Each structure stands twice: as C-alpha cells, then as structure tokens.
Amino acid sequence: MARFKRFTRFFFHALFALLVIGGAAWSATALWLHLAGGVRIAALAVLALTALGAFVARYNRRRLGWLVLAAGALIVGGWYQTITPRDNRDWAAEVSRGVTAQVEGNRVTLSNIRDFDWHSKTDATQRWITKTYNLDQLASLEMITSVWDNPDIAHLLVSFGFDDGEHVVYSVEIRREEGEKFNEVGGFFRQFELVLIGATEQDIVRLRTDVRHEEVRLYPVNLTPKQRREMFMSYVSLAQRLEKKPEFYNTISANCTTAVYRLALSLKSDLPVNWRLVMSGRLPEYLDALGVLGGQGSVDERRTNALIMANAQGEHPGLSYSQAIRAR
C-alpha cells in the first residue's frame, strides 16, 4: 500500500509538471506569434510568473497548485478563442481573392479565377477572370504535386479538365498578408487564414515550373464521371463556405492535402487515413494503394513520367499550355 501511495504521488507530481511546462510552452508560442512589443513582453512575464506560482502553490498546498494551473489555462484559452479568422486584411496579390461559385443546374460559374502572367516570383501582370463550366463535359481529374525542397513534402493541386480543352486548377493555400512569410509553427497557432484558389494552368503550374523552379508532376486519377463531378462540386461547396465565413489554415488538420482528403470522403466515406496525407510527396503511393492512380508501370516509373519540364510551351510550339504540359 505504501509503495502504491508513493507511485501515485510521483505520478501526479510528474503529471502536474508536464501540464505546467507543456502548457506554458504552448501559451508562450501563441503569445509570441500574436502579440508584439511591450504587450508581448508583459504577457510573457505574467505567464512565467503564473507557471512559477503554480509550482510554488502545489509545493505548499497541492489543491491550490491545480487551481492556479486551471485559472491560467482558462485565461489563456479564453484569450485564444478571441483570435478569429478575417477576410479583410491587406492580402498578398496572388491570394487577395478566393474563387467563388454559382450553380445553375449542370452549369457552374466560377469567379475570381486567377490568370496571372508571372514575370518573377513576386511580380506578375494580374488578371482575374470568370468562366462557366458545363459539368456534363467534365472529362478528367488530375493531381498535381509541387516539391520545392524535401521530396516527401509537396503542395497539392487538383486540375479538372473539360471536353473543350479547358482546365481549372484548385489549390488550398494559406492566405498571406502582404510581406508575410509562411512558417509551419504559425500554421498550428491560427496565424494564417485559408483560401481556395481557382486558377488557370498557365498561371499556377507555370509559376511553379518556370518561375519558382520547383519539381512539378501531373498524375491522372481514375474516377468515374459521377465521382469526378462529386469531387468538383466538393470544391464548389468549399468555395461557397469560405465565401460565407473565413477559416484558419492548420499545418496538420487544414492544409492542401487534408482538405482534399476531407473532400474525397464525399466519394468514399470509409477512406482510410494514412501517413502519406502528411508526407504529401508520397501521395502517388496512397492513390495507387486505393487503385485510382492512372498511368502504367510502377509508381516510380509513373513518377518519372509525370514530371513537367520548364518552358513546356516553348518545347511544343503550336500547342496550348495545357496541351504542352501533357505532351510526352
């Protein structure tokens, strides 16, 4: 019995220390990212004193230590809930407009489709267009992966093709403010809003191949016409939802890959969760395991064949950009 009591006492001491240290670290990161100047310093000082006070209180009176910890958690949690997504910031030009959609029967009109002519990573001739698509002519769905550093991490885009040769690409992205840079840590702490970009391939694919010099690959996805249509309409629903109410980006739970996964659940409600949803550069293997990855040969062979080269249109004069990047 005495041994059990000692174990229980040690367990609760360790749990208390873990909660205080972990909670203080999380709170300090959130305060650092969302506050500035003297307010940030004052808030961090109060946080440090509260954490120290919790340890002192528990040393003298165990229940008091838990009360101090609970009070600190309530205060920080209450403040954190006041951080809400907005749609009226000074956005960077390329994410200043999210795509919007109107549905009339089999026809979907998309507005704010980005069709920039990129001259450099930061400079482009801006153009936003509106197009109407006939869902009865929806002919293809292709996954585009864009790798800039680690081959296991890729940005995911989805391109829908129509019988008339038109393509529209959807891309779930962070909505950066002008001059703001993305960081993975901030993505956990409500630092960035979410935006759904609708774009032409000439804009969003060429930006990555020719301007940013990323490794971009195009993979056909084998779905039935009904599944393609449902996937397209899932993006339409997301566009309409974000138009009504902004949402936060999250590095793990609400990013370019997990958003597509949630949309795909409309096709298959028991779609398995897989580590490749985080290591997004391995999505071809995930799609292959599901039996929907198009093409022939092994996954590695299909990965090699999927690579889009820079200056695709220059290599295939006379073809449209969408035709050129598919010419093998």
Foldseek 3Di string as FASTA:
>chain_A
DVVVVVVVVVVVVVVLLCLLVVVLVVLLLLLVLPDDDPVSVVVNVVSVVLSVVLVVCCVVPVVVSVVSSVVVCVVSVVVLVVQFDDLPAQFQPQQNDFWAWDDDPQKIKIWQAWEWADPALRDTDTDTDIDMDGLVFFDFKKWKWWAQDDLLDTFIKIWIAGPVGFIKIKGKAWGHHVPDDDDQSVLARQNTWIGIHIYGCSPPVLCRCPHSNTWMFMWTWDDDSVLVSQLVVLVNVVNNVCVVGIGGGHLPCHHRQNSSVVSSCVVPVPQDDDPSSNSVSCVLVVSVVVVTTDDDDDSVVNRVVGTFHHPQCVVPPPDDPSVSRPDD
